[in-house]
N, C-alpha and C. Protein backbone atom coordinates (compact mmCIF):
# COMPACT_ATOMS: atom_id res chain seq x y z
N MET A 1 -21.21 -20.89 -22.47
CA MET A 1 -20.83 -20.04 -21.38
C MET A 1 -20.31 -21.15 -20.31
N THR A 2 -20.94 -21.93 -19.95
CA THR A 2 -20.48 -23.24 -19.14
C THR A 2 -18.97 -23.53 -19.36
N GLY A 3 -18.32 -23.57 -20.74
CA GLY A 3 -17.22 -23.78 -21.12
C GLY A 3 -16.04 -23.14 -20.67
N LEU A 4 -16.63 -21.52 -20.52
CA LEU A 4 -15.57 -20.58 -20.08
C LEU A 4 -15.40 -20.47 -18.82
N LEU A 5 -16.54 -20.91 -18.18
CA LEU A 5 -16.54 -20.94 -16.67
C LEU A 5 -15.49 -22.15 -16.24
N ILE A 6 -15.73 -23.02 -16.73
CA ILE A 6 -14.83 -24.32 -16.58
C ILE A 6 -13.52 -24.01 -16.97
N GLY A 7 -13.04 -23.09 -17.88
CA GLY A 7 -11.75 -23.01 -18.42
C GLY A 7 -11.07 -21.98 -17.67
N VAL A 8 -11.78 -21.17 -16.97
CA VAL A 8 -11.47 -20.01 -16.12
C VAL A 8 -11.01 -21.00 -14.71
N THR A 9 -11.85 -21.85 -14.33
CA THR A 9 -11.95 -22.45 -13.13
C THR A 9 -10.66 -23.35 -13.14
N LEU A 10 -10.36 -24.00 -14.23
CA LEU A 10 -8.93 -24.70 -14.57
C LEU A 10 -7.72 -23.84 -14.56
N TRP A 11 -8.16 -22.81 -15.07
CA TRP A 11 -7.00 -21.61 -15.01
C TRP A 11 -6.47 -21.13 -14.05
N MET A 12 -7.55 -20.69 -12.86
CA MET A 12 -7.28 -20.66 -11.59
C MET A 12 -6.56 -21.75 -10.98
N VAL A 13 -6.86 -22.74 -11.06
CA VAL A 13 -6.05 -23.98 -10.36
C VAL A 13 -5.20 -24.04 -10.65
N CYS A 14 -4.88 -24.12 -11.83
CA CYS A 14 -3.29 -24.22 -12.57
C CYS A 14 -2.17 -22.97 -11.81
N ALA A 15 -2.89 -21.56 -12.14
CA ALA A 15 -2.06 -20.95 -11.62
C ALA A 15 -1.57 -20.74 -10.03
N THR A 16 -2.79 -21.39 -9.31
CA THR A 16 -2.54 -21.47 -7.64
C THR A 16 -1.50 -22.74 -7.92
N VAL A 17 -2.04 -23.68 -8.26
CA VAL A 17 -0.44 -24.56 -7.88
C VAL A 17 0.97 -24.29 -8.61
N VAL A 18 0.78 -23.66 -9.56
CA VAL A 18 2.08 -22.99 -10.00
C VAL A 18 2.35 -21.63 -8.94
N ALA A 19 1.95 -21.02 -8.46
CA ALA A 19 2.41 -20.06 -7.43
C ALA A 19 2.68 -20.75 -5.86
N THR A 20 2.17 -21.91 -6.05
CA THR A 20 2.40 -22.72 -4.73
C THR A 20 3.73 -23.37 -4.65
N VAL A 21 4.08 -23.86 -5.68
CA VAL A 21 5.25 -25.03 -6.05
C VAL A 21 6.47 -23.67 -6.03
N LEU A 22 6.27 -22.62 -6.80
CA LEU A 22 7.27 -21.72 -7.00
C LEU A 22 7.72 -20.80 -5.76
N GLY A 23 6.51 -20.87 -5.01
CA GLY A 23 7.04 -20.17 -3.43
C GLY A 23 7.76 -20.70 -2.74
N ARG A 24 7.47 -22.12 -2.79
CA ARG A 24 8.21 -23.54 -1.98
C ARG A 24 9.60 -23.22 -2.78
N VAL A 25 9.84 -23.56 -3.79
CA VAL A 25 11.31 -23.37 -4.32
C VAL A 25 11.75 -22.17 -4.13
N ALA A 26 11.41 -20.98 -3.99
CA ALA A 26 11.86 -20.05 -3.95
C ALA A 26 12.45 -20.36 -2.26
N HIS A 27 11.59 -20.58 -1.79
CA HIS A 27 12.17 -20.18 0.13
C HIS A 27 13.33 -21.71 0.09
N ARG A 28 12.84 -22.75 -0.41
CA ARG A 28 13.81 -23.75 -0.17
C ARG A 28 15.38 -23.31 -0.53
N GLY A 29 15.18 -22.61 -1.83
CA GLY A 29 16.38 -21.85 -2.51
C GLY A 29 16.89 -21.01 -1.63
N ASP A 30 16.20 -20.11 -0.68
CA ASP A 30 17.02 -19.11 0.08
C ASP A 30 17.34 -19.70 1.30
N THR A 31 16.99 -20.80 1.89
CA THR A 31 17.45 -21.44 3.31
C THR A 31 18.75 -22.17 2.79
N GLU A 32 18.89 -22.93 1.42
CA GLU A 32 20.09 -23.73 1.35
C GLU A 32 21.07 -22.91 0.59
N GLU A 33 20.67 -21.67 -0.22
CA GLU A 33 21.96 -20.82 -0.56
C GLU A 33 22.35 -19.72 0.34
N LEU A 34 21.59 -19.49 1.33
CA LEU A 34 22.25 -18.49 2.50
C LEU A 34 22.35 -19.10 3.26
N GLY A 35 21.86 -20.35 3.61
CA GLY A 35 22.45 -21.37 4.88
C GLY A 35 21.44 -21.08 6.35
N SER A 36 20.23 -20.16 5.75
CA SER A 36 19.63 -19.53 7.09
C SER A 36 18.32 -20.48 7.21
N ILE A 37 18.27 -21.06 8.31
CA ILE A 37 17.43 -21.94 8.85
C ILE A 37 15.99 -21.31 9.76
N ARG A 38 16.32 -20.16 9.87
CA ARG A 38 15.57 -18.89 10.78
C ARG A 38 14.51 -18.55 10.07
N GLU A 39 13.18 -18.74 10.67
CA GLU A 39 11.97 -17.98 10.04
C GLU A 39 11.79 -16.60 10.95
N TRP A 40 11.61 -15.81 9.87
CA TRP A 40 11.55 -14.73 10.35
C TRP A 40 9.97 -13.94 10.53
N ASP A 41 9.99 -13.41 11.98
CA ASP A 41 8.59 -13.01 12.43
C ASP A 41 8.56 -11.26 11.88
N MET A 42 8.13 -11.02 10.61
CA MET A 42 7.92 -9.73 9.99
C MET A 42 7.24 -8.62 11.20
N ASP A 43 6.40 -9.19 12.05
CA ASP A 43 5.41 -8.30 12.94
C ASP A 43 5.97 -7.89 13.89
N ALA A 44 6.88 -8.75 14.28
CA ALA A 44 7.89 -8.46 15.89
C ALA A 44 9.07 -7.59 15.01
N LEU A 45 9.39 -7.74 13.72
CA LEU A 45 10.89 -6.68 13.52
C LEU A 45 10.16 -5.60 13.17
N ASP A 46 9.01 -5.54 12.70
CA ASP A 46 8.11 -3.94 12.38
C ASP A 46 8.16 -3.57 13.54
N HIS A 47 7.74 -4.03 14.71
CA HIS A 47 7.24 -3.64 16.16
C HIS A 47 8.60 -3.01 16.58
N GLU A 48 9.76 -3.69 16.45
CA GLU A 48 11.27 -3.09 16.73
C GLU A 48 11.57 -2.10 16.27
N VAL A 49 11.19 -2.06 14.92
CA VAL A 49 12.18 -1.00 14.12
C VAL A 49 11.28 -0.07 14.67
N HIS A 50 10.12 0.07 14.60
CA HIS A 50 9.10 1.52 14.87
C HIS A 50 9.51 2.04 16.49
N HIS A 51 9.88 1.39 17.25
CA HIS A 51 10.22 1.71 18.76
C HIS A 51 11.51 2.26 18.59
N GLU A 52 12.20 2.11 17.99
CA GLU A 52 13.58 2.53 18.06
C GLU A 52 13.76 4.21 17.84
N HIS A 53 12.97 4.47 17.17
CA HIS A 53 13.05 6.06 16.61
C HIS A 53 12.17 6.99 17.70
């Protein structure tokens, strides 16, 4: 049982590392390909859109 718990823990750590790296790569690709360095504030955009109607 302990081996299973260790295996699951290692799997989750690896998955977290891979997800973090892929997220950073995707963000970097977006900024380089699109030429956008602007950080979007999604809460402010949602607020503006809901108050337009």
